[in-house]
N, C-alpha and C. Protein backbone atom coordinates (compact mmCIF):
# COMPACT_ATOMS: atom_id res chain seq x y z
N UNK A 1 3.47 44.00 -41.50
CA UNK A 1 4.06 44.66 -41.78
C UNK A 1 4.59 45.02 -40.73
N UNK A 2 3.95 45.57 -39.76
CA UNK A 2 4.55 46.07 -38.66
C UNK A 2 5.39 44.64 -37.70
N UNK A 3 5.38 43.34 -38.19
CA UNK A 3 6.19 42.35 -37.40
C UNK A 3 7.72 42.38 -38.51
N UNK A 4 7.53 42.73 -39.86
CA UNK A 4 8.80 43.03 -40.72
C UNK A 4 9.88 43.73 -39.64
N UNK A 5 9.01 45.10 -39.77
CA UNK A 5 9.76 45.67 -39.14
C UNK A 5 10.37 46.09 -37.43
N UNK A 6 9.86 45.11 -36.65
CA UNK A 6 10.10 45.13 -35.63
C UNK A 6 11.14 43.82 -35.52
N UNK A 7 11.19 42.70 -36.30
CA UNK A 7 12.44 41.85 -36.93
C UNK A 7 13.18 42.47 -37.16
N UNK A 8 13.23 43.49 -37.90
CA UNK A 8 14.77 44.33 -38.65
C UNK A 8 15.29 45.04 -37.64
N UNK A 9 14.60 45.47 -36.41
CA UNK A 9 15.11 46.13 -35.24
C UNK A 9 15.93 45.45 -34.66
N UNK A 10 15.35 44.04 -34.34
CA UNK A 10 15.81 43.16 -33.40
C UNK A 10 17.08 42.66 -34.16
N UNK A 11 17.26 42.44 -35.70
CA UNK A 11 18.28 42.27 -36.40
C UNK A 11 19.59 43.14 -36.08
N UNK A 12 19.02 44.69 -35.89
CA UNK A 12 19.93 45.55 -35.88
C UNK A 12 20.61 45.59 -34.75
N UNK A 13 19.89 45.40 -33.52
CA UNK A 13 20.22 45.27 -32.51
C UNK A 13 21.18 44.26 -31.88
N UNK A 14 20.83 42.96 -32.77
CA UNK A 14 22.09 41.71 -32.79
C UNK A 14 23.47 42.28 -33.30
N UNK A 15 22.98 42.78 -34.46
CA UNK A 15 24.07 43.37 -35.38
C UNK A 15 24.80 44.71 -34.51
N UNK A 16 24.84 45.23 -33.80
CA UNK A 16 25.01 46.13 -33.22
C UNK A 16 25.84 45.49 -31.53
N UNK A 17 25.34 44.85 -30.95
CA UNK A 17 25.96 43.87 -30.06
C UNK A 17 27.17 43.02 -30.42
N UNK A 18 27.07 42.36 -31.62
CA UNK A 18 28.02 41.73 -32.46
C UNK A 18 29.39 42.12 -32.60
N UNK A 19 29.12 44.07 -33.21
CA UNK A 19 30.26 44.37 -33.65
C UNK A 19 30.86 45.03 -31.89
N UNK A 20 29.94 45.56 -30.93
CA UNK A 20 30.66 46.06 -30.28
C UNK A 20 30.81 45.45 -28.93
N UNK A 21 30.59 44.36 -28.47
CA UNK A 21 30.69 43.49 -27.34
C UNK A 21 32.17 43.26 -27.17
N UNK A 22 32.95 43.01 -28.01
CA UNK A 22 34.37 42.41 -27.69
C UNK A 22 35.54 43.84 -27.42
N UNK A 23 35.09 44.88 -28.30
CA UNK A 23 35.83 46.14 -27.23
C UNK A 23 35.39 46.84 -25.93
N UNK A 24 34.15 46.68 -26.19
CA UNK A 24 33.24 46.94 -25.22
C UNK A 24 33.95 46.40 -23.80
N UNK A 25 34.01 45.06 -23.63
CA UNK A 25 34.12 44.46 -22.59
C UNK A 25 35.96 44.35 -22.43
N UNK A 26 36.91 44.42 -23.51
CA UNK A 26 38.39 45.01 -23.26
C UNK A 26 38.26 46.29 -22.55
N UNK A 27 37.71 47.37 -22.90
CA UNK A 27 37.60 48.78 -22.51
C UNK A 27 37.13 48.48 -20.71
N UNK A 28 36.10 47.87 -20.53
CA UNK A 28 35.55 47.37 -19.52
C UNK A 28 36.65 46.98 -18.31
N UNK A 29 37.07 45.96 -18.91
CA UNK A 29 38.84 45.33 -18.10
C UNK A 29 39.68 46.25 -17.79
N UNK A 30 39.58 47.22 -18.87
CA UNK A 30 40.94 48.21 -18.66
C UNK A 30 40.55 49.27 -17.51
N UNK A 31 39.28 49.44 -17.46
CA UNK A 31 39.19 50.41 -16.84
C UNK A 31 38.59 49.74 -15.24
N UNK A 32 38.33 48.58 -15.15
CA UNK A 32 38.18 47.78 -13.94
C UNK A 32 39.59 47.79 -13.54
N UNK A 33 40.76 47.52 -14.27
CA UNK A 33 42.23 47.02 -13.51
C UNK A 33 43.04 48.42 -13.28
N UNK A 34 42.78 49.58 -14.06
CA UNK A 34 43.71 50.73 -14.05
C UNK A 34 42.84 51.88 -13.57
N UNK A 35 41.58 51.81 -13.60
CA UNK A 35 40.99 52.83 -13.10
C UNK A 35 40.63 52.78 -11.72
N UNK A 36 40.01 51.82 -11.51
CA UNK A 36 39.51 50.93 -10.45
C UNK A 36 40.61 50.45 -9.16
N UNK A 37 41.44 49.88 -9.84
CA UNK A 37 42.86 49.55 -9.21
C UNK A 37 42.59 48.11 -8.27
N UNK A 38 41.63 47.53 -9.47
CA UNK A 38 41.36 46.10 -8.63
C UNK A 38 42.16 45.11 -10.01
N UNK A 39 43.06 44.42 -8.89
CA UNK A 39 43.88 43.73 -10.09
C UNK A 39 42.92 42.34 -10.73
N UNK A 40 43.04 42.17 -11.87
CA UNK A 40 42.60 41.02 -12.53
C UNK A 40 43.62 39.73 -12.76
N UNK A 41 42.97 38.69 -12.51
CA UNK A 41 43.64 37.28 -12.87
C UNK A 41 43.81 37.55 -14.24
N UNK A 42 44.96 36.42 -14.77
CA UNK A 42 45.12 36.52 -16.12
C UNK A 42 44.17 35.56 -16.62
N UNK A 43 43.34 34.71 -16.10
CA UNK A 43 42.35 33.87 -16.62
C UNK A 43 40.92 34.80 -16.61
N UNK A 44 40.96 35.80 -15.95
CA UNK A 44 39.76 36.36 -16.15
C UNK A 44 40.21 37.62 -17.19
N UNK A 45 41.25 38.02 -17.64
CA UNK A 45 41.94 38.78 -18.81
C UNK A 45 41.52 37.77 -19.90
N UNK A 46 41.76 36.96 -20.24
CA UNK A 46 41.63 35.84 -21.22
C UNK A 46 39.74 35.21 -21.43
N UNK A 47 39.56 34.93 -20.28
CA UNK A 47 38.31 33.94 -20.52
C UNK A 47 36.85 35.06 -20.72
N UNK A 48 37.01 36.40 -20.14
CA UNK A 48 36.00 36.86 -20.19
C UNK A 48 35.93 37.84 -21.84
N UNK A 49 37.12 38.00 -22.50
CA UNK A 49 36.93 38.54 -24.27
C UNK A 49 36.44 37.25 -24.91
N UNK A 50 37.05 36.10 -24.55
CA UNK A 50 36.67 34.86 -25.06
C UNK A 50 35.18 34.92 -25.22
N UNK A 51 34.49 34.83 -23.78
CA UNK A 51 32.91 34.57 -24.04
C UNK A 51 32.08 35.61 -24.20
N UNK A 52 32.65 37.07 -24.70
CA UNK A 52 32.12 37.79 -25.41
C UNK A 52 32.28 37.71 -26.88
N UNK A 53 33.50 37.26 -27.49
CA UNK A 53 33.06 36.68 -28.86
C UNK A 53 32.40 35.49 -29.34
N UNK A 54 32.25 34.60 -27.92
CA UNK A 54 31.40 33.67 -28.43
C UNK A 54 29.85 34.12 -28.42
N UNK A 55 29.62 35.06 -27.37
CA UNK A 55 28.28 35.98 -27.80
C UNK A 55 28.37 36.60 -28.99
N UNK A 56 29.28 37.33 -29.59
CA UNK A 56 29.33 37.88 -30.51
C UNK A 56 28.83 37.18 -31.87
N UNK A 57 29.72 35.93 -31.84
CA UNK A 57 29.59 34.89 -32.78
C UNK A 57 27.99 34.58 -33.16
N UNK A 58 27.85 34.41 -31.91
CA UNK A 58 25.94 33.74 -31.64
C UNK A 58 25.19 35.00 -32.29
N UNK A 59 25.50 36.09 -31.56
CA UNK A 59 24.33 36.99 -32.12
C UNK A 59 24.79 37.19 -33.90
N UNK A 60 25.69 36.90 -34.21
CA UNK A 60 25.71 37.37 -35.82
C UNK A 60 24.99 36.18 -36.35
N UNK A 61 25.19 34.99 -35.85
CA UNK A 61 24.58 33.50 -36.47
C UNK A 61 22.93 33.80 -36.13
N UNK A 62 22.69 34.47 -35.77
CA UNK A 62 21.11 34.76 -35.21
C UNK A 62 20.49 35.31 -36.36
N UNK A 63 21.03 35.86 -37.30
CA UNK A 63 19.88 36.70 -38.70
C UNK A 63 19.27 35.30 -39.79
N UNK A 64 18.34 35.76 -40.05
CA UNK A 64 17.08 34.71 -40.74
C UNK A 64 17.85 34.34 -42.17
N UNK A 65 19.27 34.40 -42.79
CA UNK A 65 19.62 34.16 -44.24
C UNK A 65 19.84 32.73 -44.17
N UNK A 66 20.56 32.62 -45.28
CA UNK A 66 21.29 31.55 -45.99
C UNK A 66 22.46 30.89 -44.85
N UNK A 67 23.11 29.43 -44.71
CA UNK A 67 23.87 28.97 -44.08
C UNK A 67 24.92 30.00 -44.34
N UNK A 68 25.44 30.26 -45.80
CA UNK A 68 26.63 30.89 -46.27
C UNK A 68 26.71 32.24 -45.88
N UNK A 69 25.52 32.76 -45.92
CA UNK A 69 25.42 34.28 -45.28
C UNK A 69 25.79 34.18 -43.74
N UNK A 70 25.31 33.31 -43.11
CA UNK A 70 25.45 33.40 -41.82
C UNK A 70 27.23 33.10 -41.20
N UNK A 71 27.27 31.67 -42.02
CA UNK A 71 28.84 31.50 -41.99
C UNK A 71 29.87 32.92 -42.28
N UNK A 72 29.44 33.87 -43.48
CA UNK A 72 30.46 34.71 -43.76
C UNK A 72 30.10 36.23 -42.52
N UNK A 73 28.87 36.38 -41.79
CA UNK A 73 28.80 37.38 -41.36
C UNK A 73 29.20 36.75 -40.07
N UNK A 74 29.40 35.81 -39.55
CA UNK A 74 30.50 35.18 -38.43
C UNK A 74 32.09 35.42 -38.30
N UNK A 75 32.22 35.06 -39.72
CA UNK A 75 33.49 35.34 -39.86
C UNK A 75 33.97 36.72 -39.89
N UNK A 76 33.18 37.98 -40.25
CA UNK A 76 33.69 39.30 -40.15
C UNK A 76 33.54 39.75 -38.95
N UNK A 77 32.68 39.01 -37.95
CA UNK A 77 32.66 39.77 -36.72
C UNK A 77 33.58 39.22 -35.74
N UNK A 78 34.26 37.93 -36.18
CA UNK A 78 35.50 37.20 -35.58
C UNK A 78 36.63 38.38 -36.02
N UNK A 79 36.97 38.42 -37.36
CA UNK A 79 37.88 39.23 -38.09
C UNK A 79 37.64 40.50 -37.14
N UNK A 80 36.63 41.26 -37.10
CA UNK A 80 36.47 42.54 -36.28
C UNK A 80 36.76 43.03 -34.96
N UNK A 81 36.27 41.75 -34.44
CA UNK A 81 36.56 41.51 -32.73
C UNK A 81 37.98 41.61 -32.79
N UNK A 82 38.27 40.65 -33.51
CA UNK A 82 40.16 40.18 -32.88
C UNK A 82 40.49 41.84 -33.49
N UNK A 83 40.45 42.41 -34.78
CA UNK A 83 40.84 43.46 -34.61
C UNK A 83 40.82 45.07 -33.63
N UNK A 84 39.65 45.12 -33.26
CA UNK A 84 38.93 45.99 -32.57
C UNK A 84 39.92 45.62 -30.76
N UNK A 85 40.16 44.15 -30.83
CA UNK A 85 40.74 43.70 -29.38
C UNK A 85 41.91 44.26 -29.13
N UNK A 86 42.78 44.16 -30.73
CA UNK A 86 44.00 44.58 -30.57
C UNK A 86 44.34 45.85 -30.25
N UNK A 87 43.22 46.61 -31.12
CA UNK A 87 43.80 47.87 -30.90
C UNK A 87 43.69 48.58 -29.61
N UNK A 88 42.34 48.09 -28.88
CA UNK A 88 41.85 48.33 -27.63
C UNK A 88 42.80 48.23 -26.73
N UNK A 89 43.39 46.71 -26.60
CA UNK A 89 44.78 46.67 -25.87
C UNK A 89 46.10 47.04 -26.03
N UNK A 90 46.27 47.64 -27.22
CA UNK A 90 47.67 48.33 -27.79
C UNK A 90 47.56 49.51 -27.47
N UNK A 91 46.48 50.31 -27.75
CA UNK A 91 46.69 51.85 -27.65
C UNK A 91 46.57 51.96 -26.22
N UNK A 92 47.23 53.73 -25.63
CA UNK A 92 47.25 53.62 -24.11
C UNK A 92 45.76 54.05 -23.65
N UNK A 93 45.63 53.78 -22.67
CA UNK A 93 44.13 53.60 -21.96
C UNK A 93 43.62 54.75 -21.97
N UNK A 94 44.40 55.71 -22.13
CA UNK A 94 43.93 57.50 -21.79
C UNK A 94 43.43 57.54 -23.28
N UNK A 95 43.44 56.97 -24.27
CA UNK A 95 42.73 57.29 -25.44
C UNK A 95 41.16 56.77 -25.40
N UNK A 96 40.96 55.66 -24.42
CA UNK A 96 39.60 55.38 -24.34
C UNK A 96 39.02 56.06 -23.47
N UNK A 97 37.65 56.85 -23.46
CA UNK A 97 37.15 57.46 -22.47
C UNK A 97 36.99 56.79 -20.92
N UNK A 98 36.30 55.84 -21.25
CA UNK A 98 36.21 55.10 -19.71
C UNK A 98 37.32 55.26 -18.90
N UNK A 99 38.72 54.63 -19.68
CA UNK A 99 39.69 54.94 -18.86
C UNK A 99 40.47 56.21 -18.08
N UNK A 100 40.06 57.03 -18.89
CA UNK A 100 40.27 58.46 -18.29
C UNK A 100 39.51 58.85 -17.56
N UNK A 101 38.12 58.57 -17.19
CA UNK A 101 37.44 58.83 -16.08
C UNK A 101 37.91 59.32 -14.71
């Protein structure tokens, strides 16, 4: 019984990581660029969110369900991550707390 609860906590942690990784990375890059005044190259600004998306998809595929459920969950994480990325990128930086610090 204890191992089931522990496994469920790991599942929730993986899902939270998958949902939050891309928006948090984009906010961190905005903070790095505009608050710390350290310029980022176009490659860094492109590659780092893609790496975060790849890790999010891997984390979403971690759950022990059928392949169809894994693929649906991975597609949902990709859709959410793309939407969250564009919301964070389009809205002004001062709406996000780290960019205003």
